[in-house]
């Protein structure tokens, strides 16, 4: 049985920004389609690096190339 949200919540005792940390870095998950994930895993294994290292290298190169073109 699914629970429903209440029409109103009493937030009078809440503290704004209690868990806000301005220096915290957000790590974004990236979800690949199965065929792409398989190809990336295979390429990473072939180069003997992790998928994260491979994808970050690709993205870094793409950003540099785009920046140079826009220069």
N, C-alpha and C. Protein backbone atom coordinates (compact mmCIF):
# COMPACT_ATOMS: atom_id res chain seq x y z
N UNK A 1 0.84 -1.17 0.00
CA UNK A 1 0.00 0.00 0.00
C UNK A 1 0.89 1.25 0.00
N UNK A 2 0.69 2.11 -0.94
CA UNK A 2 1.49 3.34 -1.05
C UNK A 2 1.01 4.37 -0.03
N UNK A 3 1.98 5.08 0.55
CA UNK A 3 1.61 6.14 1.49
C UNK A 3 1.49 7.45 0.73
N UNK A 4 0.59 8.28 1.17
CA UNK A 4 0.36 9.55 0.51
C UNK A 4 0.97 10.67 1.33
N UNK A 5 1.30 11.73 0.64
CA UNK A 5 1.80 12.91 1.35
C UNK A 5 0.62 13.60 2.03
N UNK A 6 0.90 14.21 3.16
CA UNK A 6 -0.13 14.99 3.84
C UNK A 6 -0.37 16.27 3.06
N UNK A 7 -1.53 16.86 3.24
CA UNK A 7 -1.81 18.14 2.58
C UNK A 7 -0.91 19.24 3.14
N UNK A 8 -0.59 19.16 4.42
CA UNK A 8 0.24 20.17 5.07
C UNK A 8 1.22 19.50 6.02
N UNK A 9 2.38 20.11 6.15
CA UNK A 9 3.37 19.66 7.12
C UNK A 9 3.71 20.84 8.01
N UNK A 10 3.90 20.58 9.28
CA UNK A 10 4.25 21.64 10.22
C UNK A 10 5.77 21.73 10.27
N UNK A 11 6.31 22.79 9.69
CA UNK A 11 7.75 22.99 9.66
C UNK A 11 8.19 24.13 10.60
N UNK A 12 7.35 24.45 11.53
CA UNK A 12 7.64 25.58 12.42
C UNK A 12 8.89 25.34 13.27
N UNK A 13 9.23 24.11 13.54
CA UNK A 13 10.41 23.81 14.35
C UNK A 13 11.64 23.47 13.50
N UNK A 14 11.50 23.60 12.19
CA UNK A 14 12.60 23.24 11.29
C UNK A 14 13.69 24.31 11.29
N UNK A 15 14.89 23.88 10.93
CA UNK A 15 16.03 24.80 10.82
C UNK A 15 16.43 24.88 9.36
N UNK A 16 16.34 26.08 8.79
CA UNK A 16 16.71 26.28 7.38
C UNK A 16 18.21 26.07 7.20
N UNK A 17 18.57 25.27 6.19
CA UNK A 17 19.97 25.07 5.85
C UNK A 17 20.75 24.20 6.83
N UNK A 18 20.07 23.44 7.63
CA UNK A 18 20.74 22.62 8.66
C UNK A 18 21.81 21.71 8.07
N UNK A 19 21.57 21.16 6.90
CA UNK A 19 22.51 20.23 6.30
C UNK A 19 23.26 20.81 5.11
N UNK A 20 23.09 22.10 4.84
CA UNK A 20 23.75 22.77 3.72
C UNK A 20 25.24 22.91 4.00
N UNK A 21 26.05 22.48 3.06
CA UNK A 21 27.51 22.60 3.17
C UNK A 21 28.01 23.20 1.86
N UNK A 22 28.36 24.49 1.84
CA UNK A 22 28.75 25.15 0.59
C UNK A 22 30.00 24.56 -0.05
N UNK A 23 30.86 23.93 0.73
CA UNK A 23 32.12 23.40 0.18
C UNK A 23 32.00 21.94 -0.26
N UNK A 24 30.80 21.38 -0.20
CA UNK A 24 30.60 19.99 -0.58
C UNK A 24 30.53 19.87 -2.09
N UNK A 25 31.23 18.89 -2.63
CA UNK A 25 31.22 18.64 -4.07
C UNK A 25 30.16 17.60 -4.39
N UNK A 26 29.38 17.89 -5.40
CA UNK A 26 28.32 16.98 -5.81
C UNK A 26 28.85 16.02 -6.87
N UNK A 27 28.75 14.73 -6.61
CA UNK A 27 29.14 13.73 -7.59
C UNK A 27 27.89 13.26 -8.31
N UNK A 28 27.86 13.50 -9.61
CA UNK A 28 26.69 13.17 -10.40
C UNK A 28 26.79 11.76 -10.95
N UNK A 29 25.77 10.95 -10.70
CA UNK A 29 25.78 9.62 -11.30
C UNK A 29 25.43 9.74 -12.78
N UNK A 30 26.06 8.94 -13.59
CA UNK A 30 25.77 8.92 -15.02
C UNK A 30 25.34 7.51 -15.36
N UNK A 31 24.18 7.40 -15.98
CA UNK A 31 23.64 6.09 -16.32
C UNK A 31 23.77 5.86 -17.82
N UNK A 32 24.50 4.83 -18.18
CA UNK A 32 24.73 4.51 -19.59
C UNK A 32 23.76 3.44 -20.05
N UNK A 33 23.41 3.51 -21.32
CA UNK A 33 22.60 2.45 -21.92
C UNK A 33 23.45 1.18 -21.92
N UNK A 34 22.81 0.02 -21.84
CA UNK A 34 23.57 -1.24 -21.74
C UNK A 34 24.62 -1.44 -22.83
N UNK A 35 24.29 -1.12 -24.08
CA UNK A 35 25.26 -1.33 -25.16
C UNK A 35 26.46 -0.40 -25.03
N UNK A 36 26.21 0.83 -24.60
CA UNK A 36 27.30 1.79 -24.40
C UNK A 36 28.15 1.36 -23.21
N UNK A 37 27.51 0.96 -22.12
CA UNK A 37 28.24 0.52 -20.93
C UNK A 37 29.15 -0.66 -21.26
N UNK A 38 28.63 -1.59 -22.05
CA UNK A 38 29.43 -2.76 -22.43
C UNK A 38 30.67 -2.33 -23.22
N UNK A 39 30.49 -1.44 -24.18
CA UNK A 39 31.60 -0.96 -25.00
C UNK A 39 32.63 -0.22 -24.15
N UNK A 40 32.16 0.59 -23.23
CA UNK A 40 33.07 1.35 -22.36
C UNK A 40 33.84 0.41 -21.45
N UNK A 41 33.16 -0.57 -20.87
CA UNK A 41 33.84 -1.55 -20.01
C UNK A 41 34.91 -2.30 -20.79
N UNK A 42 34.57 -2.70 -22.02
CA UNK A 42 35.53 -3.43 -22.84
C UNK A 42 36.75 -2.57 -23.16
N UNK A 43 36.52 -1.32 -23.51
CA UNK A 43 37.63 -0.40 -23.83
C UNK A 43 38.49 -0.16 -22.60
N UNK A 44 37.86 0.02 -21.44
CA UNK A 44 38.59 0.25 -20.20
C UNK A 44 39.45 -0.97 -19.86
N UNK A 45 38.88 -2.16 -20.02
CA UNK A 45 39.63 -3.39 -19.73
C UNK A 45 40.82 -3.52 -20.67
N UNK A 46 40.61 -3.18 -21.93
CA UNK A 46 41.68 -3.26 -22.93
C UNK A 46 42.83 -2.32 -22.57
N UNK A 47 42.50 -1.15 -22.03
CA UNK A 47 43.52 -0.17 -21.64
C UNK A 47 44.00 -0.39 -20.21
N UNK A 48 43.40 -1.35 -19.51
CA UNK A 48 43.73 -1.67 -18.12
C UNK A 48 43.55 -0.46 -17.19
N UNK A 49 42.41 0.22 -17.36
CA UNK A 49 42.04 1.34 -16.49
C UNK A 49 40.60 1.15 -16.06
N UNK A 50 40.18 1.90 -15.06
CA UNK A 50 38.78 1.81 -14.62
C UNK A 50 37.89 2.57 -15.60
N UNK A 51 36.63 2.26 -15.58
CA UNK A 51 35.66 2.94 -16.43
C UNK A 51 35.66 4.44 -16.10
N UNK A 52 35.74 4.79 -14.83
CA UNK A 52 35.75 6.19 -14.42
C UNK A 52 36.93 6.94 -15.02
N UNK A 53 38.10 6.33 -14.97
CA UNK A 53 39.30 6.98 -15.52
C UNK A 53 39.12 7.19 -17.02
N UNK A 54 38.65 6.17 -17.72
CA UNK A 54 38.47 6.26 -19.17
C UNK A 54 37.47 7.35 -19.54
N UNK A 55 36.32 7.33 -18.89
CA UNK A 55 35.27 8.30 -19.22
C UNK A 55 35.72 9.72 -18.86
N UNK A 56 36.37 9.89 -17.73
CA UNK A 56 36.87 11.22 -17.36
C UNK A 56 37.89 11.72 -18.36
N UNK A 57 38.76 10.84 -18.84
CA UNK A 57 39.73 11.24 -19.87
C UNK A 57 39.01 11.68 -21.14
N UNK A 58 38.01 10.93 -21.58
CA UNK A 58 37.24 11.29 -22.78
C UNK A 58 36.57 12.64 -22.61
N UNK A 59 35.94 12.84 -21.47
CA UNK A 59 35.23 14.10 -21.22
C UNK A 59 36.20 15.27 -21.13
N UNK A 60 37.32 15.05 -20.47
CA UNK A 60 38.33 16.11 -20.34
C UNK A 60 38.82 16.55 -21.72
N UNK A 61 39.09 15.57 -22.59
CA UNK A 61 39.54 15.88 -23.96
C UNK A 61 38.45 16.62 -24.73
N UNK A 62 37.21 16.19 -24.58
CA UNK A 62 36.10 16.84 -25.28
C UNK A 62 35.94 18.29 -24.81
N UNK A 63 36.08 18.52 -23.52
CA UNK A 63 35.96 19.88 -22.99
C UNK A 63 37.10 20.74 -23.52
N UNK A 64 38.32 20.22 -23.51
CA UNK A 64 39.47 20.97 -24.03
C UNK A 64 39.28 21.32 -25.50
N UNK A 65 38.84 20.34 -26.29
CA UNK A 65 38.63 20.55 -27.72
C UNK A 65 37.58 21.62 -27.95
N UNK A 66 36.50 21.55 -27.22
CA UNK A 66 35.42 22.53 -27.37
C UNK A 66 35.89 23.92 -26.95
N UNK A 67 36.65 23.98 -25.87
CA UNK A 67 37.18 25.27 -25.39
C UNK A 67 38.11 25.87 -26.42
N UNK A 68 38.95 25.05 -27.03
CA UNK A 68 39.90 25.54 -28.04
C UNK A 68 39.16 26.06 -29.28
N UNK A 69 38.10 25.36 -29.66
CA UNK A 69 37.32 25.81 -30.84
C UNK A 69 36.63 27.13 -30.56
N UNK A 70 36.16 27.31 -29.33
CA UNK A 70 35.42 28.52 -28.98
C UNK A 70 36.37 29.68 -28.69
N UNK A 71 37.63 29.33 -28.32
CA UNK A 71 38.72 30.19 -27.98
C UNK A 71 38.52 31.60 -28.03
